[in-house]
Amino acid sequence: MKIILPFFLIISFVSFGQATDNQLIDFFKKKENQLFVNTHGYYFMDVPNEKSYNNRLSGSLSNIDTSNIDFKNIDLKFDYDQYKYYLLSDLNVLMVLKSIKHLKEEIDSK
């Protein structure tokens, strides 16, 4: 029994991860969703001076044309239910990627 329980937990975690990956893939299959993400899937914010943000960072980028975002040309990863934070080091701002769950809600409300 001691071996079966950890094995079951691992299988459950892997299955949940695969389901989440499939939700991301299904979302990005639609061209209109890709276009929506390029215009509404993110926002910028100043790097906070008072709060530590390093533990929330998913990565750092530079030389990004912020006037024409196309996620097919940027190595970023969206998450299904969590926002992601990337430091644009040359601009000293954070690019915040909205969760796919949030974006679906925005699309459905239109």
PDB file of N, CA and C in Angstrom:
ATOM      1  N   MET A   1       0.827  -1.198   0.000  1.00  0.00           N
ATOM      2  CA  MET A   1       0.000   0.000   0.000  1.00  0.00           C
ATOM      3  C   MET A   1       0.863   1.250   0.000  1.00  0.00           C
ATOM      4  N   LYS A   2       2.011   1.203   0.689  1.00  0.00           N
ATOM      5  CA  LYS A   2       2.875   2.378   0.766  1.00  0.00           C
ATOM      6  C   LYS A   2       3.424   2.749  -0.599  1.00  0.00           C
ATOM      7  N   ILE A   3       3.631   1.797  -1.465  1.00  0.00           N
ATOM      8  CA  ILE A   3       4.164   2.068  -2.803  1.00  0.00           C
ATOM      9  C   ILE A   3       3.053   2.541  -3.733  1.00  0.00           C
ATOM     10  N   ILE A   4       1.875   2.024  -3.576  1.00  0.00           N
ATOM     11  CA  ILE A   4       0.771   2.345  -4.471  1.00  0.00           C
ATOM     12  C   ILE A   4       0.329   3.802  -4.315  1.00  0.00           C
ATOM     13  N   LEU A   5       0.260   4.324  -3.110  1.00  0.00           N
ATOM     14  CA  LEU A   5      -0.204   5.686  -2.886  1.00  0.00           C
ATOM     15  C   LEU A   5       0.704   6.723  -3.555  1.00  0.00           C
ATOM     16  N   PRO A   6       2.041   6.703  -3.357  1.00  0.00           N
ATOM     17  CA  PRO A   6       2.875   7.678  -4.072  1.00  0.00           C
ATOM     18  C   PRO A   6       2.775   7.526  -5.586  1.00  0.00           C
ATOM     19  N   PHE A   7       2.679   6.296  -6.074  1.00  0.00           N
ATOM     20  CA  PHE A   7       2.538   6.066  -7.509  1.00  0.00           C
ATOM     21  C   PHE A   7       1.251   6.704  -8.026  1.00  0.00           C
ATOM     22  N   PHE A   8       0.156   6.534  -7.287  1.00  0.00           N
ATOM     23  CA  PHE A   8      -1.120   7.129  -7.677  1.00  0.00           C
ATOM     24  C   PHE A   8      -1.022   8.650  -7.702  1.00  0.00           C
ATOM     25  N   LEU A   9      -0.356   9.243  -6.726  1.00  0.00           N
ATOM     26  CA  LEU A   9      -0.194  10.701  -6.682  1.00  0.00           C
ATOM     27  C   LEU A   9       0.623  11.200  -7.870  1.00  0.00           C
ATOM     28  N   ILE A  10       1.654  10.480  -8.232  1.00  0.00           N
ATOM     29  CA  ILE A  10       2.479  10.868  -9.381  1.00  0.00           C
ATOM     30  C   ILE A  10       1.659  10.789 -10.666  1.00  0.00           C
ATOM     31  N   ILE A  11       0.919   9.714 -10.846  1.00  0.00           N
ATOM     32  CA  ILE A  11       0.082   9.546 -12.037  1.00  0.00           C
ATOM     33  C   ILE A  11      -0.974  10.649 -12.097  1.00  0.00           C
ATOM     34  N   SER A  12      -1.577  10.994 -10.972  1.00  0.00           N
ATOM     35  CA  SER A  12      -2.588  12.054 -10.940  1.00  0.00           C
ATOM     36  C   SER A  12      -1.981  13.387 -11.330  1.00  0.00           C
ATOM     37  N   PHE A  13      -0.802  13.696 -10.814  1.00  0.00           N
ATOM     38  CA  PHE A  13      -0.126  14.956 -11.126  1.00  0.00           C
ATOM     39  C   PHE A  13       0.222  15.030 -12.605  1.00  0.00           C
ATOM     40  N   VAL A  14       0.742  13.949 -13.158  1.00  0.00           N
ATOM     41  CA  VAL A  14       1.099  13.919 -14.580  1.00  0.00           C
ATOM     42  C   VAL A  14      -0.153  14.075 -15.438  1.00  0.00           C
ATOM     43  N   SER A  15      -1.225  13.403 -15.076  1.00  0.00           N
ATOM     44  CA  SER A  15      -2.477  13.507 -15.831  1.00  0.00           C
ATOM     45  C   SER A  15      -3.015  14.926 -15.796  1.00  0.00           C
ATOM     46  N   PHE A  16      -2.955  15.577 -14.635  1.00  0.00           N
ATOM     47  CA  PHE A  16      -3.412  16.962 -14.527  1.00  0.00           C
ATOM     48  C   PHE A  16      -2.555  17.869 -15.399  1.00  0.00           C
ATOM     49  N   GLY A  17      -1.253  17.663 -15.405  1.00  0.00           N
ATOM     50  CA  GLY A  17      -0.349  18.450 -16.235  1.00  0.00           C
ATOM     51  C   GLY A  17      -0.645  18.286 -17.707  1.00  0.00           C
ATOM     52  N   GLN A  18      -0.923  17.073 -18.127  1.00  0.00           N
ATOM     53  CA  GLN A  18      -1.245  16.816 -19.530  1.00  0.00           C
ATOM     54  C   GLN A  18      -2.572  17.472 -19.916  1.00  0.00           C
ATOM     55  N   ALA A  19      -3.551  17.433 -19.014  1.00  0.00           N
ATOM     56  CA  ALA A  19      -4.838  18.068 -19.296  1.00  0.00           C
ATOM     57  C   ALA A  19      -4.656  19.574 -19.451  1.00  0.00           C
ATOM     58  N   THR A  20      -3.836  20.178 -18.593  1.00  0.00           N
ATOM     59  CA  THR A  20      -3.570  21.610 -18.679  1.00  0.00           C
ATOM     60  C   THR A  20      -2.851  21.941 -19.973  1.00  0.00           C
ATOM     61  N   ASP A  21      -1.858  21.146 -20.346  1.00  0.00           N
ATOM     62  CA  ASP A  21      -1.156  21.357 -21.613  1.00  0.00           C
ATOM     63  C   ASP A  21      -2.122  21.271 -22.788  1.00  0.00           C
ATOM     64  N   ASN A  22      -3.033  20.316 -22.749  1.00  0.00           N
ATOM     65  CA  ASN A  22      -4.018  20.169 -23.824  1.00  0.00           C
ATOM     66  C   ASN A  22      -4.940  21.383 -23.896  1.00  0.00           C
ATOM     67  N   GLN A  23      -5.290  21.956 -22.740  1.00  0.00           N
ATOM     68  CA  GLN A  23      -6.134  23.153 -22.734  1.00  0.00           C
ATOM     69  C   GLN A  23      -5.399  24.321 -23.393  1.00  0.00           C
ATOM     70  N   LEU A  24      -4.115  24.452 -23.137  1.00  0.00           N
ATOM     71  CA  LEU A  24      -3.324  25.512 -23.765  1.00  0.00           C
ATOM     72  C   LEU A  24      -3.247  25.305 -25.272  1.00  0.00           C
ATOM     73  N   ILE A  25      -2.981  24.082 -25.673  1.00  0.00           N
ATOM     74  CA  ILE A  25      -2.879  23.763 -27.104  1.00  0.00           C
ATOM     75  C   ILE A  25      -4.208  24.034 -27.803  1.00  0.00           C
ATOM     76  N   ASP A  26      -5.307  23.593 -27.201  1.00  0.00           N
ATOM     77  CA  ASP A  26      -6.623  23.811 -27.793  1.00  0.00           C
ATOM     78  C   ASP A  26      -6.932  25.303 -27.920  1.00  0.00           C
ATOM     79  N   PHE A  27      -6.565  26.079 -26.904  1.00  0.00           N
ATOM     80  CA  PHE A  27      -6.815  27.521 -26.946  1.00  0.00           C
ATOM     81  C   PHE A  27      -6.053  28.171 -28.096  1.00  0.00           C
ATOM     82  N   PHE A  28      -4.783  27.827 -28.246  1.00  0.00           N
ATOM     83  CA  PHE A  28      -3.946  28.475 -29.257  1.00  0.00           C
ATOM     84  C   PHE A  28      -4.160  27.923 -30.671  1.00  0.00           C
ATOM     85  N   LYS A  29      -4.948  26.877 -30.832  1.00  0.00           N
ATOM     86  CA  LYS A  29      -5.265  26.367 -32.169  1.00  0.00           C
ATOM     87  C   LYS A  29      -6.115  27.361 -32.952  1.00  0.00           C
ATOM     88  N   LYS A  30      -6.921  28.137 -32.248  1.00  0.00           N
ATOM     89  CA  LYS A  30      -7.819  29.075 -32.908  1.00  0.00           C
ATOM     90  C   LYS A  30      -7.077  30.365 -33.237  1.00  0.00           C
ATOM     91  N   LYS A  31      -7.120  30.741 -34.489  1.00  0.00           N
ATOM     92  CA  LYS A  31      -6.440  31.949 -34.960  1.00  0.00           C
ATOM     93  C   LYS A  31      -6.934  33.198 -34.226  1.00  0.00           C
ATOM     94  N   GLU A  32      -8.248  33.278 -33.986  1.00  0.00           N
ATOM     95  CA  GLU A  32      -8.785  34.454 -33.296  1.00  0.00           C
ATOM     96  C   GLU A  32      -8.270  34.567 -31.864  1.00  0.00           C
ATOM     97  N   ASN A  33      -8.012  33.426 -31.214  1.00  0.00           N
ATOM     98  CA  ASN A  33      -7.424  33.457 -29.871  1.00  0.00           C
ATOM     99  C   ASN A  33      -5.990  33.963 -29.924  1.00  0.00           C
ATOM    100  N   GLN A  34      -5.236  33.539 -30.931  1.00  0.00           N
ATOM    101  CA  GLN A  34      -3.860  34.015 -31.093  1.00  0.00           C
ATOM    102  C   GLN A  34      -3.835  35.534 -31.276  1.00  0.00           C
ATOM    103  N   LEU A  35      -4.730  36.033 -32.105  1.00  0.00           N
ATOM    104  CA  LEU A  35      -4.803  37.478 -32.334  1.00  0.00           C
ATOM    105  C   LEU A  35      -5.210  38.216 -31.068  1.00  0.00           C
ATOM    106  N   PHE A  36      -6.166  37.655 -30.323  1.00  0.00           N
ATOM    107  CA  PHE A  36      -6.610  38.272 -29.081  1.00  0.00           C
ATOM    108  C   PHE A  36      -5.459  38.337 -28.073  1.00  0.00           C
ATOM    109  N   VAL A  37      -4.694  37.271 -27.971  1.00  0.00           N
ATOM    110  CA  VAL A  37      -3.559  37.241 -27.041  1.00  0.00           C
ATOM    111  C   VAL A  37      -2.516  38.292 -27.421  1.00  0.00           C
ATOM    112  N   ASN A  38      -2.283  38.473 -28.715  1.00  0.00           N
ATOM    113  CA  ASN A  38      -1.289  39.456 -29.156  1.00  0.00           C
ATOM    114  C   ASN A  38      -1.686  40.890 -28.809  1.00  0.00           C
ATOM    115  N   THR A  39      -2.979  41.132 -28.629  1.00  0.00           N
ATOM    116  CA  THR A  39      -3.412  42.492 -28.312  1.00  0.00           C
ATOM    117  C   THR A  39      -3.908  42.662 -26.877  1.00  0.00           C
ATOM    118  N   HIS A  40      -4.423  41.596 -26.264  1.00  0.00           N
ATOM    119  CA  HIS A  40      -5.028  41.710 -24.934  1.00  0.00           C
ATOM    120  C   HIS A  40      -4.445  40.754 -23.892  1.00  0.00           C
ATOM    121  N   GLY A  41      -3.475  39.970 -24.269  1.00  0.00           N
ATOM    122  CA  GLY A  41      -2.993  38.915 -23.387  1.00  0.00           C
ATOM    123  C   GLY A  41      -1.919  39.322 -22.400  1.00  0.00           C
ATOM    124  N   TYR A  42      -1.618  40.603 -22.334  1.00  0.00           N
ATOM    125  CA  TYR A  42      -0.513  41.058 -21.495  1.00  0.00           C
ATOM    126  C   TYR A  42      -0.717  42.523 -21.135  1.00  0.00           C
ATOM    127  N   TYR A  43       0.068  42.972 -20.184  1.00  0.00           N
ATOM    128  CA  TYR A  43       0.177  44.400 -19.890  1.00  0.00           C
ATOM    129  C   TYR A  43       1.552  44.637 -19.282  1.00  0.00           C
ATOM    130  N   PHE A  44       1.931  45.891 -19.222  1.00  0.00           N
ATOM    131  CA  PHE A  44       3.223  46.273 -18.663  1.00  0.00           C
ATOM    132  C   PHE A  44       3.019  46.996 -17.345  1.00  0.00           C
ATOM    133  N   MET A  45       3.980  46.839 -16.471  1.00  0.00           N
ATOM    134  CA  MET A  45       3.952  47.579 -15.207  1.00  0.00           C
ATOM    135  C   MET A  45       5.375  47.917 -14.793  1.00  0.00           C
ATOM    136  N   ASP A  46       5.498  49.005 -14.063  1.00  0.00           N
ATOM    137  CA  ASP A  46       6.811  49.394 -13.561  1.00  0.00           C
ATOM    138  C   ASP A  46       7.313  48.346 -12.588  1.00  0.00           C
ATOM    139  N   VAL A  47       8.613  48.191 -12.553  1.00  0.00           N
ATOM    140  CA  VAL A  47       9.225  47.287 -11.585  1.00  0.00           C
ATOM    141  C   VAL A  47       8.996  47.883 -10.197  1.00  0.00           C
ATOM    142  N   PRO A  48       8.400  47.112  -9.290  1.00  0.00           N
ATOM    143  CA  PRO A  48       8.118  47.662  -7.959  1.00  0.00           C
ATOM    144  C   PRO A  48       9.399  47.911  -7.169  1.00  0.00           C
ATOM    145  N   ASN A  49       9.472  49.069  -6.542  1.00  0.00           N
ATOM    146  CA  ASN A  49      10.628  49.408  -5.713  1.00  0.00           C
ATOM    147  C   ASN A  49      10.513  48.836  -4.314  1.00  0.00           C
ATOM    148  N   GLU A  50       9.289  48.808  -3.787  1.00  0.00           N
ATOM    149  CA  GLU A  50       9.085  48.415  -2.395  1.00  0.00           C
ATOM    150  C   GLU A  50       8.975  46.905  -2.203  1.00  0.00           C
ATOM    151  N   LYS A  51       8.463  46.215  -3.203  1.00  0.00           N
ATOM    152  CA  LYS A  51       8.199  44.784  -3.057  1.00  0.00           C
ATOM    153  C   LYS A  51       9.230  43.973  -3.841  1.00  0.00           C
ATOM    154  N   SER A  52       9.557  42.819  -3.297  1.00  0.00           N
ATOM    155  CA  SER A  52      10.422  41.893  -4.020  1.00  0.00           C
ATOM    156  C   SER A  52       9.577  41.149  -5.050  1.00  0.00           C
ATOM    157  N   TYR A  53      10.023  41.146  -6.268  1.00  0.00           N
ATOM    158  CA  TYR A  53       9.290  40.495  -7.349  1.00  0.00           C
ATOM    159  C   TYR A  53      10.070  39.325  -7.940  1.00  0.00           C
ATOM    160  N   ASN A  54      11.327  39.175  -7.555  1.00  0.00           N
ATOM    161  CA  ASN A  54      12.190  38.159  -8.164  1.00  0.00           C
ATOM    162  C   ASN A  54      11.632  36.745  -8.047  1.00  0.00           C
ATOM    163  N   ASN A  55      10.949  36.442  -6.960  1.00  0.00           N
ATOM    164  CA  ASN A  55      10.412  35.085  -6.793  1.00  0.00           C
ATOM    165  C   ASN A  55       9.216  34.825  -7.705  1.00  0.00           C
ATOM    166  N   ARG A  56       8.652  35.870  -8.320  1.00  0.00           N
ATOM    167  CA  ARG A  56       7.521  35.703  -9.230  1.00  0.00           C
ATOM    168  C   ARG A  56       7.941  35.673 -10.697  1.00  0.00           C
ATOM    169  N   LEU A  57       9.208  36.012 -10.971  1.00  0.00           N
ATOM    170  CA  LEU A  57       9.669  36.102 -12.361  1.00  0.00           C
ATOM    171  C   LEU A  57       9.724  34.739 -13.036  1.00  0.00           C
ATOM    172  N   SER A  58       9.233  34.706 -14.269  1.00  0.00           N
ATOM    173  CA  SER A  58       9.340  33.498 -15.088  1.00  0.00           C
ATOM    174  C   SER A  58      10.521  33.579 -16.034  1.00  0.00           C
ATOM    175  N   GLY A  59      11.102  34.776 -16.152  1.00  0.00           N
ATOM    176  CA  GLY A  59      12.249  34.943 -17.031  1.00  0.00           C
ATOM    177  C   GLY A  59      12.534  36.404 -17.284  1.00  0.00           C
ATOM    178  N   SER A  60      13.547  36.618 -18.097  1.00  0.00           N
ATOM    179  CA  SER A  60      13.969  37.966 -18.453  1.00  0.00           C
ATOM    180  C   SER A  60      14.156  38.031 -19.963  1.00  0.00           C
ATOM    181  N   LEU A  61      13.768  39.147 -20.552  1.00  0.00           N
ATOM    182  CA  LEU A  61      13.860  39.335 -21.997  1.00  0.00           C
ATOM    183  C   LEU A  61      14.483  40.688 -22.290  1.00  0.00           C
ATOM    184  N   SER A  62      14.998  40.832 -23.493  1.00  0.00           N
ATOM    185  CA  SER A  62      15.477  42.137 -23.937  1.00  0.00           C
ATOM    186  C   SER A  62      15.241  42.261 -25.438  1.00  0.00           C
ATOM    187  N   ASN A  63      15.330  43.475 -25.910  1.00  0.00           N
ATOM    188  CA  ASN A  63      15.145  43.782 -27.335  1.00  0.00           C
ATOM    189  C   ASN A  63      13.787  43.329 -27.869  1.00  0.00           C
ATOM    190  N   ILE A  64      12.737  43.588 -27.105  1.00  0.00           N
ATOM    191  CA  ILE A  64      11.377  43.265 -27.513  1.00  0.00           C
ATOM    192  C   ILE A  64      10.716  44.536 -28.037  1.00  0.00           C
ATOM    193  N   ASP A  65      10.130  44.448 -29.222  1.00  0.00           N
ATOM    194  CA  ASP A  65       9.381  45.578 -29.777  1.00  0.00           C
ATOM    195  C   ASP A  65       8.011  45.601 -29.111  1.00  0.00           C
ATOM    196  N   THR A  66       7.867  46.437 -28.102  1.00  0.00           N
ATOM    197  CA  THR A  66       6.615  46.465 -27.334  1.00  0.00           C
ATOM    198  C   THR A  66       5.468  47.108 -28.103  1.00  0.00           C
ATOM    199  N   SER A  67       5.748  47.742 -29.228  1.00  0.00           N
ATOM    200  CA  SER A  67       4.677  48.350 -30.010  1.00  0.00           C
ATOM    201  C   SER A  67       4.018  47.340 -30.960  1.00  0.00           C
ATOM    202  N   ASN A  68       4.637  46.174 -31.112  1.00  0.00           N
ATOM    203  CA  ASN A  68       4.108  45.168 -32.032  1.00  0.00           C
ATOM    204  C   ASN A  68       4.402  43.776 -31.476  1.00  0.00           C
ATOM    205  N   ILE A  69       3.624  43.377 -30.489  1.00  0.00           N
ATOM    206  CA  ILE A  69       3.835  42.085 -29.838  1.00  0.00           C
ATOM    207  C   ILE A  69       3.243  40.968 -30.692  1.00  0.00           C
ATOM    208  N   ASP A  70       4.059  39.962 -30.975  1.00  0.00           N
ATOM    209  CA  ASP A  70       3.600  38.750 -31.648  1.00  0.00           C
ATOM    210  C   ASP A  70       4.241  37.577 -30.917  1.00  0.00           C
ATOM    211  N   PHE A  71       3.442  36.849 -30.172  1.00  0.00           N
ATOM    212  CA  PHE A  71       3.976  35.799 -29.313  1.00  0.00           C
ATOM    213  C   PHE A  71       4.544  34.613 -30.075  1.00  0.00           C
ATOM    214  N   LYS A  72       4.300  34.529 -31.362  1.00  0.00           N
ATOM    215  CA  LYS A  72       4.946  33.474 -32.151  1.00  0.00           C
ATOM    216  C   LYS A  72       6.442  33.739 -32.278  1.00  0.00           C
ATOM    217  N   ASN A  73       6.834  35.010 -32.104  1.00  0.00           N
ATOM    218  CA  ASN A  73       8.239  35.390 -32.257  1.00  0.00           C
ATOM    219  C   ASN A  73       8.957  35.625 -30.936  1.00  0.00           C
ATOM    220  N   ILE A  74       8.286  35.376 -29.820  1.00  0.00           N
ATOM    221  CA  ILE A  74       8.868  35.597 -28.496  1.00  0.00           C
ATOM    222  C   ILE A  74       8.783  34.291 -27.721  1.00  0.00           C
ATOM    223  N   ASP A  75       9.862  33.924 -27.068  1.00  0.00           N
ATOM    224  CA  ASP A  75       9.906  32.676 -26.308  1.00  0.00           C
ATOM    225  C   ASP A  75       9.348  32.892 -24.903  1.00  0.00           C
ATOM    226  N   LEU A  76       8.011  32.888 -24.814  1.00  0.00           N
ATOM    227  CA  LEU A  76       7.308  33.031 -23.540  1.00  0.00           C
ATOM    228  C   LEU A  76       6.318  31.894 -23.414  1.00  0.00           C
ATOM    229  N   LYS A  77       5.993  31.562 -22.191  1.00  0.00           N
ATOM    230  CA  LYS A  77       5.036  30.488 -21.966  1.00  0.00           C
ATOM    231  C   LYS A  77       3.872  31.007 -21.124  1.00  0.00           C
ATOM    232  N   PHE A  78       2.678  30.847 -21.678  1.00  0.00           N
ATOM    233  CA  PHE A  78       1.471  31.176 -20.930  1.00  0.00           C
ATOM    234  C   PHE A  78       1.133  30.015 -20.012  1.00  0.00           C
ATOM    235  N   ASP A  79       0.424  30.312 -18.952  1.00  0.00           N
ATOM    236  CA  ASP A  79      -0.040  29.301 -18.012  1.00  0.00           C
ATOM    237  C   ASP A  79      -1.564  29.297 -18.052  1.00  0.00           C
ATOM    238  N   TYR A  80      -2.161  28.154 -17.772  1.00  0.00           N
ATOM    239  CA  TYR A  80      -3.614  28.092 -17.850  1.00  0.00           C
ATOM    240  C   TYR A  80      -4.288  28.949 -16.782  1.00  0.00           C
ATOM    241  N   ASP A  81      -3.832  28.855 -15.530  1.00  0.00           N
ATOM    242  CA  ASP A  81      -4.546  29.583 -14.476  1.00  0.00           C
ATOM    243  C   ASP A  81      -3.672  30.504 -13.621  1.00  0.00           C
ATOM    244  N   GLN A  82      -2.456  30.768 -14.056  1.00  0.00           N
ATOM    245  CA  GLN A  82      -1.569  31.680 -13.328  1.00  0.00           C
ATOM    246  C   GLN A  82      -1.031  32.756 -14.261  1.00  0.00           C
ATOM    247  N   TYR A  83      -0.943  33.975 -13.753  1.00  0.00           N
ATOM    248  CA  TYR A  83      -0.268  35.026 -14.495  1.00  0.00           C
ATOM    249  C   TYR A  83       1.229  34.733 -14.480  1.00  0.00           C
ATOM    250  N   LYS A  84       1.936  35.175 -15.520  1.00  0.00           N
ATOM    251  CA  LYS A  84       3.396  35.009 -15.604  1.00  0.00           C
ATOM    252  C   LYS A  84       4.018  36.394 -15.711  1.00  0.00           C
ATOM    253  N   TYR A  85       5.177  36.569 -15.091  1.00  0.00           N
ATOM    254  CA  TYR A  85       5.869  37.850 -15.055  1.00  0.00           C
ATOM    255  C   TYR A  85       7.246  37.709 -15.688  1.00  0.00           C
ATOM    256  N   TYR A  86       7.521  38.572 -16.657  1.00  0.00           N
ATOM    257  CA  TYR A  86       8.818  38.590 -17.331  1.00  0.00           C
ATOM    258  C   TYR A  86       9.410  39.990 -17.222  1.00  0.00           C
ATOM    259  N   LEU A  87      10.668  40.061 -16.872  1.00  0.00           N
ATOM    260  CA  LEU A  87      11.371  41.332 -16.795  1.00  0.00           C
ATOM    261  C   LEU A  87      11.890  41.695 -18.178  1.00  0.00           C
ATOM    262  N   LEU A  88      11.516  42.877 -18.668  1.00  0.00           N
ATOM    263  CA  LEU A  88      12.104  43.408 -19.895  1.00  0.00           C
ATOM    264  C   LEU A  88      13.284  44.249 -19.446  1.00  0.00           C
ATOM    265  N   SER A  89      14.443  43.633 -19.443  1.00  0.00           N
ATOM    266  CA  SER A  89      15.608  44.206 -18.779  1.00  0.00           C
ATOM    267  C   SER A  89      16.074  45.522 -19.392  1.00  0.00           C
ATOM    268  N   ASP A  90      15.981  45.665 -20.703  1.00  0.00           N
ATOM    269  CA  ASP A  90      16.446  46.908 -21.323  1.00  0.00           C
ATOM    270  C   ASP A  90      15.484  48.073 -21.077  1.00  0.00           C
ATOM    271  N   LEU A  91      14.229  47.784 -20.730  1.00  0.00           N
ATOM    272  CA  LEU A  91      13.243  48.826 -20.450  1.00  0.00           C
ATOM    273  C   LEU A  91      12.964  48.978 -18.961  1.00  0.00           C
ATOM    274  N   ASN A  92      13.440  48.035 -18.177  1.00  0.00           N
ATOM    275  CA  ASN A  92      13.222  47.993 -16.732  1.00  0.00           C
ATOM    276  C   ASN A  92      11.727  48.040 -16.376  1.00  0.00           C
ATOM    277  N   VAL A  93      10.953  47.222 -17.069  1.00  0.00           N
ATOM    278  CA  VAL A  93       9.527  47.062 -16.784  1.00  0.00           C
ATOM    279  C   VAL A  93       9.203  45.570 -16.755  1.00  0.00           C
ATOM    280  N   LEU A  94       8.077  45.258 -16.159  1.00  0.00           N
ATOM    281  CA  LEU A  94       7.596  43.880 -16.149  1.00  0.00           C
ATOM    282  C   LEU A  94       6.514  43.721 -17.203  1.00  0.00           C
ATOM    283  N   MET A  95       6.602  42.639 -17.944  1.00  0.00           N
ATOM    284  CA  MET A  95       5.540  42.257 -18.867  1.00  0.00           C
ATOM    285  C   MET A  95       4.759  41.149 -18.161  1.00  0.00           C
ATOM    286  N   VAL A  96       3.485  41.392 -17.957  1.00  0.00           N
ATOM    287  CA  VAL A  96       2.631  40.452 -17.240  1.00  0.00           C
ATOM    288  C   VAL A  96       1.756  39.733 -18.260  1.00  0.00           C
ATOM    289  N   LEU A  97       1.874  38.429 -18.315  1.00  0.00           N
ATOM    290  CA  LEU A  97       1.028  37.614 -19.197  1.00  0.00           C
ATOM    291  C   LEU A  97      -0.190  37.158 -18.401  1.00  0.00           C
ATOM    292  N   LYS A  98      -1.352  37.449 -18.928  1.00  0.00           N
ATOM    293  CA  LYS A  98      -2.577  37.002 -18.281  1.00  0.00           C
ATOM    294  C   LYS A  98      -2.706  35.484 -18.431  1.00  0.00           C
ATOM    295  N   SER A  99      -3.432  34.882 -17.516  1.00  0.00           N
ATOM    296  CA  SER A  99      -3.671  33.442 -17.625  1.00  0.00           C
ATOM    297  C   SER A  99      -4.638  33.163 -18.767  1.00  0.00           C
ATOM    298  N   ILE A 100      -4.548  31.980 -19.325  1.00  0.00           N
ATOM    299  CA  ILE A 100      -5.464  31.576 -20.391  1.00  0.00           C
ATOM    300  C   ILE A 100      -6.896  31.531 -19.856  1.00  0.00           C
ATOM    301  N   LYS A 101      -7.049  31.113 -18.625  1.00  0.00           N
ATOM    302  CA  LYS A 101      -8.379  31.085 -18.011  1.00  0.00           C
ATOM    303  C   LYS A 101      -8.980  32.491 -17.998  1.00  0.00           C
ATOM    304  N   HIS A 102      -8.188  33.484 -17.616  1.00  0.00           N
ATOM    305  CA  HIS A 102      -8.657  34.867 -17.596  1.00  0.00           C
ATOM    306  C   HIS A 102      -8.981  35.347 -19.017  1.00  0.00           C
ATOM    307  N   LEU A 103      -8.116  35.026 -19.968  1.00  0.00           N
ATOM    308  CA  LEU A 103      -8.353  35.432 -21.352  1.00  0.00           C
ATOM    309  C   LEU A 103      -9.625  34.812 -21.918  1.00  0.00           C
ATOM    310  N   LYS A 104      -9.883  33.550 -21.582  1.00  0.00           N
ATOM    311  CA  LYS A 104     -11.122  32.899 -22.031  1.00  0.00           C
ATOM    312  C   LYS A 104     -12.343  33.637 -21.480  1.00  0.00           C
ATOM    313  N   GLU A 105     -12.260  34.060 -20.214  1.00  0.00           N
ATOM    314  CA  GLU A 105     -13.362  34.809 -19.616  1.00  0.00           C
ATOM    315  C   GLU A 105     -13.561  36.135 -20.346  1.00  0.00           C
ATOM    316  N   GLU A 106     -12.475  36.817 -20.700  1.00  0.00           N
ATOM    317  CA  GLU A 106     -12.584  38.073 -21.445  1.00  0.00           C
ATOM    318  C   GLU A 106     -13.208  37.840 -22.818  1.00  0.00           C
ATOM    319  N   ILE A 107     -12.798  36.797 -23.496  1.00  0.00           N
ATOM    320  CA  ILE A 107     -13.342  36.480 -24.824  1.00  0.00           C
ATOM    321  C   ILE A 107     -14.829  36.156 -24.701  1.00  0.00           C
ATOM    322  N   ASP A 108     -15.189  35.351 -23.716  1.00  0.00           N
ATOM    323  CA  ASP A 108     -16.589  34.943 -23.543  1.00  0.00           C
ATOM    324  C   ASP A 108     -17.492  36.109 -23.177  1.00  0.00           C
ATOM    325  N   SER A 109     -16.939  37.151 -22.555  1.00  0.00           N
ATOM    326  CA  SER A 109     -17.760  38.281 -22.134  1.00  0.00           C
ATOM    327  C   SER A 109     -18.009  39.277 -23.263  1.00  0.00           C
ATOM    328  N   LYS A 110     -17.358  39.079 -24.403  1.00  0.00           N
ATOM    329  CA  LYS A 110     -17.550  39.997 -25.544  1.00  0.00           C
ATOM    330  C   LYS A 110     -18.666  39.556 -26.437  1.00  0.00           C
TER     331      LYS A 110
END
